[in-house]
Amino acid sequence: MTIVIVDDEPLALKATVSAVREALPEGEIHDFLRWSAMLDFAGTHPIDIAFLALTMRGITGLALAGNLQV
């Protein structure tokens, strides 16, 4: 299971990664401080679950979700 986590706040990103690792230890977690880096990753890797910050510099989590292919 491929999981991406995106947040431009380092402490929030670290906390989310820790919580997801605890809940889904078998998951393959990829974390990103830059939403554009996650979009690059998503262009070549299928994603099963995405945890996105609601607000980030330059984009909202909802708009970012709209850029992910299902």
C-alpha atoms as a PDB file:
ATOM      1  CA  MET A   1       0.000   0.000   0.000  1.00  0.00           C
ATOM      2  CA  THR A   2       1.543   3.293  -1.119  1.00  0.00           C
ATOM      3  CA  ILE A   3       0.746   6.254   1.125  1.00  0.00           C
ATOM      4  CA  VAL A   4       1.709   9.880   0.524  1.00  0.00           C
ATOM      5  CA  ILE A   5       1.672  12.578   3.176  1.00  0.00           C
ATOM      6  CA  VAL A   6       2.009  16.233   2.216  1.00  0.00           C
ATOM      7  CA  ASP A   7       2.357  19.174   4.605  1.00  0.00           C
ATOM      8  CA  ASP A   8       4.519  22.264   4.317  1.00  0.00           C
ATOM      9  CA  GLU A   9       4.827  22.448   8.110  1.00  0.00           C
ATOM     10  CA  PRO A  10       7.720  20.150   9.133  1.00  0.00           C
ATOM     11  CA  LEU A  11       6.415  19.374  12.634  1.00  0.00           C
ATOM     12  CA  ALA A  12       2.907  18.585  11.375  1.00  0.00           C
ATOM     13  CA  LEU A  13       4.381  16.379   8.645  1.00  0.00           C
ATOM     14  CA  LYS A  14       6.510  14.487  11.174  1.00  0.00           C
ATOM     15  CA  ALA A  15       3.518  13.973  13.499  1.00  0.00           C
ATOM     16  CA  THR A  16       1.322  12.703  10.675  1.00  0.00           C
ATOM     17  CA  VAL A  17       4.009  10.325   9.428  1.00  0.00           C
ATOM     18  CA  SER A  18       4.414   8.922  12.960  1.00  0.00           C
ATOM     19  CA  ALA A  19       0.664   8.421  13.387  1.00  0.00           C
ATOM     20  CA  VAL A  20       0.294   6.726  10.007  1.00  0.00           C
ATOM     21  CA  ARG A  21       3.305   4.469  10.653  1.00  0.00           C
ATOM     22  CA  GLU A  22       1.752   3.394  13.915  1.00  0.00           C
ATOM     23  CA  ALA A  23      -1.649   2.716  12.331  1.00  0.00           C
ATOM     24  CA  LEU A  24      -0.348   1.137   9.107  1.00  0.00           C
ATOM     25  CA  PRO A  25       3.132  -0.285   9.769  1.00  0.00           C
ATOM     26  CA  GLU A  26       2.999  -2.303   6.544  1.00  0.00           C
ATOM     27  CA  GLY A  27       2.407   0.813   4.424  1.00  0.00           C
ATOM     28  CA  GLU A  28       5.030   2.295   2.113  1.00  0.00           C
ATOM     29  CA  ILE A  29       5.030   5.915   3.286  1.00  0.00           C
ATOM     30  CA  HIS A  30       6.377   8.809   1.219  1.00  0.00           C
ATOM     31  CA  ASP A  31       6.336  12.231   2.867  1.00  0.00           C
ATOM     32  CA  PHE A  32       6.701  15.597   1.153  1.00  0.00           C
ATOM     33  CA  LEU A  33       7.165  19.160   2.360  1.00  0.00           C
ATOM     34  CA  ARG A  34       6.543  20.445  -1.164  1.00  0.00           C
ATOM     35  CA  TRP A  35       3.264  19.579  -2.855  1.00  0.00           C
ATOM     36  CA  SER A  36       4.881  19.910  -6.281  1.00  0.00           C
ATOM     37  CA  ALA A  37       7.331  17.119  -5.402  1.00  0.00           C
ATOM     38  CA  MET A  38       4.409  14.876  -4.487  1.00  0.00           C
ATOM     39  CA  LEU A  39       2.758  15.586  -7.850  1.00  0.00           C
ATOM     40  CA  ASP A  40       6.002  14.591  -9.599  1.00  0.00           C
ATOM     41  CA  PHE A  41       6.033  11.371  -7.576  1.00  0.00           C
ATOM     42  CA  ALA A  42       2.346  10.707  -8.315  1.00  0.00           C
ATOM     43  CA  GLY A  43       3.041  11.009 -12.028  1.00  0.00           C
ATOM     44  CA  THR A  44       5.098   7.817 -11.948  1.00  0.00           C
ATOM     45  CA  HIS A  45       3.769   5.908  -8.921  1.00  0.00           C
ATOM     46  CA  PRO A  46       0.274   4.699  -8.077  1.00  0.00           C
ATOM     47  CA  ILE A  47      -0.996   6.063  -4.758  1.00  0.00           C
ATOM     48  CA  ASP A  48      -3.440   4.207  -2.547  1.00  0.00           C
ATOM     49  CA  ILE A  49      -3.913   6.786   0.223  1.00  0.00           C
ATOM     50  CA  ALA A  50      -3.084  10.501   0.394  1.00  0.00           C
ATOM     51  CA  PHE A  51      -2.992  12.591   3.558  1.00  0.00           C
ATOM     52  CA  LEU A  52      -2.963  16.242   2.487  1.00  0.00           C
ATOM     53  CA  ALA A  53      -2.747  19.383   4.602  1.00  0.00           C
ATOM     54  CA  LEU A  54      -5.815  21.566   4.224  1.00  0.00           C
ATOM     55  CA  THR A  55      -3.798  24.691   3.507  1.00  0.00           C
ATOM     56  CA  MET A  56      -0.316  24.996   2.061  1.00  0.00           C
ATOM     57  CA  ARG A  57       1.647  27.742   0.345  1.00  0.00           C
ATOM     58  CA  GLY A  58       0.257  28.058  -3.167  1.00  0.00           C
ATOM     59  CA  ILE A  59      -2.498  25.423  -3.010  1.00  0.00           C
ATOM     60  CA  THR A  60      -5.177  23.888  -0.835  1.00  0.00           C
ATOM     61  CA  GLY A  61      -5.348  20.213  -0.002  1.00  0.00           C
ATOM     62  CA  LEU A  62      -8.647  19.976  -1.863  1.00  0.00           C
ATOM     63  CA  ALA A  63      -7.166  21.479  -5.024  1.00  0.00           C
ATOM     64  CA  LEU A  64      -4.161  19.193  -4.708  1.00  0.00           C
ATOM     65  CA  ALA A  65      -6.439  16.161  -4.402  1.00  0.00           C
ATOM     66  CA  GLY A  66      -8.128  17.235  -7.599  1.00  0.00           C
ATOM     67  CA  ASN A  67      -4.769  16.964  -9.371  1.00  0.00           C
ATOM     68  CA  LEU A  68      -4.318  13.316  -8.390  1.00  0.00           C
ATOM     69  CA  GLN A  69      -5.497  10.707 -10.839  1.00  0.00           C
ATOM     70  CA  VAL A  70      -7.778   8.007  -9.533  1.00  0.00           C
END
